[in-house]
C-alpha atoms as a PDB file:
ATOM      1  CA  MET A   1      -6.713  -4.616  12.936  1.00  0.00           C
ATOM      2  CA  ASN A   2      -8.760  -3.995   9.803  1.00  0.00           C
ATOM      3  CA  ASN A   3     -10.535  -7.171   8.727  1.00  0.00           C
ATOM      4  CA  PHE A   4     -11.164  -5.800   5.235  1.00  0.00           C
ATOM      5  CA  ILE A   5      -7.459  -5.148   4.659  1.00  0.00           C
ATOM      6  CA  ASN A   6      -6.507  -8.628   5.866  1.00  0.00           C
ATOM      7  CA  ARG A   7      -9.195 -10.314   3.782  1.00  0.00           C
ATOM      8  CA  PHE A   8      -8.540  -8.178   0.695  1.00  0.00           C
ATOM      9  CA  PHE A   9      -4.837  -8.993   0.498  1.00  0.00           C
ATOM     10  CA  LYS A  10      -5.362 -12.615   1.455  1.00  0.00           C
ATOM     11  CA  GLU A  11      -7.790 -13.122  -1.441  1.00  0.00           C
ATOM     12  CA  LYS A  12      -5.958 -11.091  -4.088  1.00  0.00           C
ATOM     13  CA  GLU A  13      -3.008 -12.402  -6.019  1.00  0.00           C
ATOM     14  CA  ILE A  14      -0.858  -9.317  -6.302  1.00  0.00           C
ATOM     15  CA  ASP A  15       2.393  -9.462  -8.219  1.00  0.00           C
ATOM     16  CA  PHE A  16       5.445  -8.527  -6.165  1.00  0.00           C
ATOM     17  CA  LYS A  17       6.623  -5.011  -6.963  1.00  0.00           C
ATOM     18  CA  GLN A  18       9.579  -3.063  -5.698  1.00  0.00           C
ATOM     19  CA  TRP A  19      10.153   0.653  -6.137  1.00  0.00           C
ATOM     20  CA  GLU A  20      13.095   2.979  -5.694  1.00  0.00           C
ATOM     21  CA  LEU A  21      11.675   6.153  -4.202  1.00  0.00           C
ATOM     22  CA  THR A  22      13.270   9.390  -3.106  1.00  0.00           C
ATOM     23  CA  SER A  23      12.186  11.017   0.144  1.00  0.00           C
ATOM     24  CA  LYS A  24      11.712  14.754   0.629  1.00  0.00           C
ATOM     25  CA  ASP A  25      15.258  15.048   1.975  1.00  0.00           C
ATOM     26  CA  GLY A  26      16.704  13.427  -1.165  1.00  0.00           C
ATOM     27  CA  THR A  27      17.442   9.997   0.334  1.00  0.00           C
ATOM     28  CA  ASN A  28      16.780   7.011  -1.924  1.00  0.00           C
ATOM     29  CA  HIS A  29      14.783   4.116  -0.513  1.00  0.00           C
ATOM     30  CA  ILE A  30      13.865   0.730  -1.910  1.00  0.00           C
ATOM     31  CA  ILE A  31      10.441  -0.352  -0.747  1.00  0.00           C
ATOM     32  CA  ASP A  32       8.175  -3.172  -1.903  1.00  0.00           C
ATOM     33  CA  ASN A  33       4.460  -3.781  -1.928  1.00  0.00           C
ATOM     34  CA  LYS A  34       4.686  -6.454   0.792  1.00  0.00           C
ATOM     35  CA  LEU A  35       6.064  -3.858   3.210  1.00  0.00           C
ATOM     36  CA  VAL A  36       3.242  -1.471   2.284  1.00  0.00           C
ATOM     37  CA  ILE A  37       0.631  -4.184   2.824  1.00  0.00           C
ATOM     38  CA  ASP A  38       2.131  -4.959   6.248  1.00  0.00           C
ATOM     39  CA  TYR A  39       2.064  -1.232   7.019  1.00  0.00           C
ATOM     40  CA  LEU A  40      -1.668  -1.085   6.234  1.00  0.00           C
ATOM     41  CA  LYS A  41      -2.328  -4.162   8.357  1.00  0.00           C
ATOM     42  CA  LYS A  42      -0.398  -2.800  11.338  1.00  0.00           C
ATOM     43  CA  ASN A  43      -1.773   0.759  11.164  1.00  0.00           C
ATOM     44  CA  PRO A  44      -5.547   0.561  11.487  1.00  0.00           C
ATOM     45  CA  GLU A  45      -6.153   4.249  10.798  1.00  0.00           C
ATOM     46  CA  GLN A  46      -4.281   4.143   7.487  1.00  0.00           C
ATOM     47  CA  GLY A  47      -5.961   0.854   6.617  1.00  0.00           C
ATOM     48  CA  LYS A  48      -9.336   2.419   7.306  1.00  0.00           C
ATOM     49  CA  GLN A  49      -8.486   5.357   5.036  1.00  0.00           C
ATOM     50  CA  ALA A  50      -7.249   3.028   2.289  1.00  0.00           C
ATOM     51  CA  GLU A  51     -10.306   0.755   2.374  1.00  0.00           C
ATOM     52  CA  PRO A  52     -12.691   2.793   0.170  1.00  0.00           C
ATOM     53  CA  ILE A  53      -9.964   3.387  -2.407  1.00  0.00           C
ATOM     54  CA  LEU A  54      -9.062  -0.305  -2.500  1.00  0.00           C
ATOM     55  CA  ARG A  55     -12.753  -1.141  -2.938  1.00  0.00           C
ATOM     56  CA  GLN A  56     -12.973   1.235  -5.916  1.00  0.00           C
ATOM     57  CA  ILE A  57      -9.803  -0.144  -7.487  1.00  0.00           C
ATOM     58  CA  ASP A  58     -11.086  -3.691  -7.049  1.00  0.00           C
ATOM     59  CA  PHE A  59     -14.520  -2.827  -8.457  1.00  0.00           C
ATOM     60  CA  LYS A  60     -12.913  -1.281 -11.552  1.00  0.00           C
ATOM     61  CA  ASN A  61     -10.355  -4.117 -11.885  1.00  0.00           C
ATOM     62  CA  GLY A  62      -7.562  -1.592 -11.475  1.00  0.00           C
ATOM     63  CA  ASP A  63      -3.934  -2.174 -10.560  1.00  0.00           C
ATOM     64  CA  VAL A  64      -3.623  -2.144  -6.775  1.00  0.00           C
ATOM     65  CA  ASN A  65       0.136  -1.699  -7.065  1.00  0.00           C
ATOM     66  CA  HIS A  66      -0.309   1.865  -8.360  1.00  0.00           C
ATOM     67  CA  PHE A  67      -2.068   2.761  -5.113  1.00  0.00           C
ATOM     68  CA  LEU A  68       0.451   0.812  -3.026  1.00  0.00           C
ATOM     69  CA  LYS A  69       3.269   2.786  -4.656  1.00  0.00           C
ATOM     70  CA  TYR A  70       1.483   5.995  -3.678  1.00  0.00           C
ATOM     71  CA  ILE A  71       1.341   4.770  -0.076  1.00  0.00           C
ATOM     72  CA  ALA A  72       4.999   3.722  -0.285  1.00  0.00           C
ATOM     73  CA  GLN A  73       5.917   7.304  -1.168  1.00  0.00           C
ATOM     74  CA  PHE A  74       3.902   8.498   1.835  1.00  0.00           C
ATOM     75  CA  ILE A  75       5.818   6.075   4.076  1.00  0.00           C
ATOM     76  CA  VAL A  76       9.169   7.233   2.686  1.00  0.00           C
ATOM     77  CA  ASP A  77       8.252  10.901   3.167  1.00  0.00           C
ATOM     78  CA  THR A  78       6.823  10.397   6.656  1.00  0.00           C
ATOM     79  CA  TYR A  79       9.369   8.143   8.361  1.00  0.00           C
END
């Protein structure tokens, strides 16, 4: 379990977002940011890889949901 990931999403107020994404095989999926956050919490390696990017986004007051959508597409393409 990645303590940074847990703490980061506990402290941030992130608006709920839902995306309709298409996987490599052409299947449409609806995925939301809460599922992506749970994915990062339950997969320590991915959470560890996401940590420096989340730190940069936070430092620059960026929109975390843009990055979460990117991860959502990865999930859709991988599983």
